[in-house]
Amino acid sequence: MQLLENRVAIITGGTGALGRAVTKNFLTAGAKVAIPWVIEAEVPMLETQLGNRFPSTELFLKKADVADEKQISDFVGEVASQWSKVDILVNLVGGFWGGKSVAQTTMQEWQTMFDLNVRPTFICCRAVVPIMQRGKWGRIVSVTSRTGLLGAGDFAAYAVAKGAIATFTASLAEEVLPDNVLVNAIAPSTIDTEANRKAMPNAKHEKWVKPEDIARTLAFLCSDDCRATAGAIVPVYGKA
């Protein structure tokens, strides 16, 4: 039996650099995958990564903004109607910004970090949790960061927003544990993506964590094999 066989997974950010690796891994592991997307240019990039798995009856893509309550409610309803359930939610959508001290950070910049990171995580969790509770099975994994756990000078807005996801994870995990819905988060260091390599050309890229390795960790946390872990923040630092 495959690790995620017969499971229905929603992966936000599933067309992005990390999301493409996660989507491919989940499909290979036997899951049906639904992806809300907004950046049209990323869709053909997913097609390239999936090869003959795109298109597939096991893959559902629809334009929907994860920061919009109505669009996500409709999207989740459509997925549940098509596949009769939602077992897994992986919250990969987020945003990074930094390089200014607290004194230099504007209110708009501060709020933007919460709008890009915390708001989509909350909206998507709120939409899927009732379905998982009715089915008495669910796995939710969100993304915080090492910076979100430790803090970092000149990155306060980003660090606090990611830290909020860690606290939200622990809170939601306690609420839904009696319904066999396990909620966890991962905390990556710098992810080895093309964009990050371009942004930091002189960094030690070989120490960065690979998207494929993060995908494997996510697959375990979303599987039946993960039975006793809830409310955890799992570090995925690679060698960094």
Foldseek 3Di string as FASTA:
>chain_A
DFFQALAEEEEECLLPQLNLLLVLVNVVSHAQYEYADADPVSVVVSCVSNPPVPPDPSYHYDHFDLLDLVRLLVSVVVSCVVSVAHAEYEAPWADFDWDAAPVPDDPVNLVVRLSRAVRSLVSNCVNRLVRLLVVLHHEYEYEAAPCLVVPDGRRRSNNVNSVVVLVVQLVVQVVCVVSHYAGEYEHEYDELDPVVCVVPVPDPSQQHFYSNVVSVVVSCRSGPVPRPDHSYYHYRYRRD
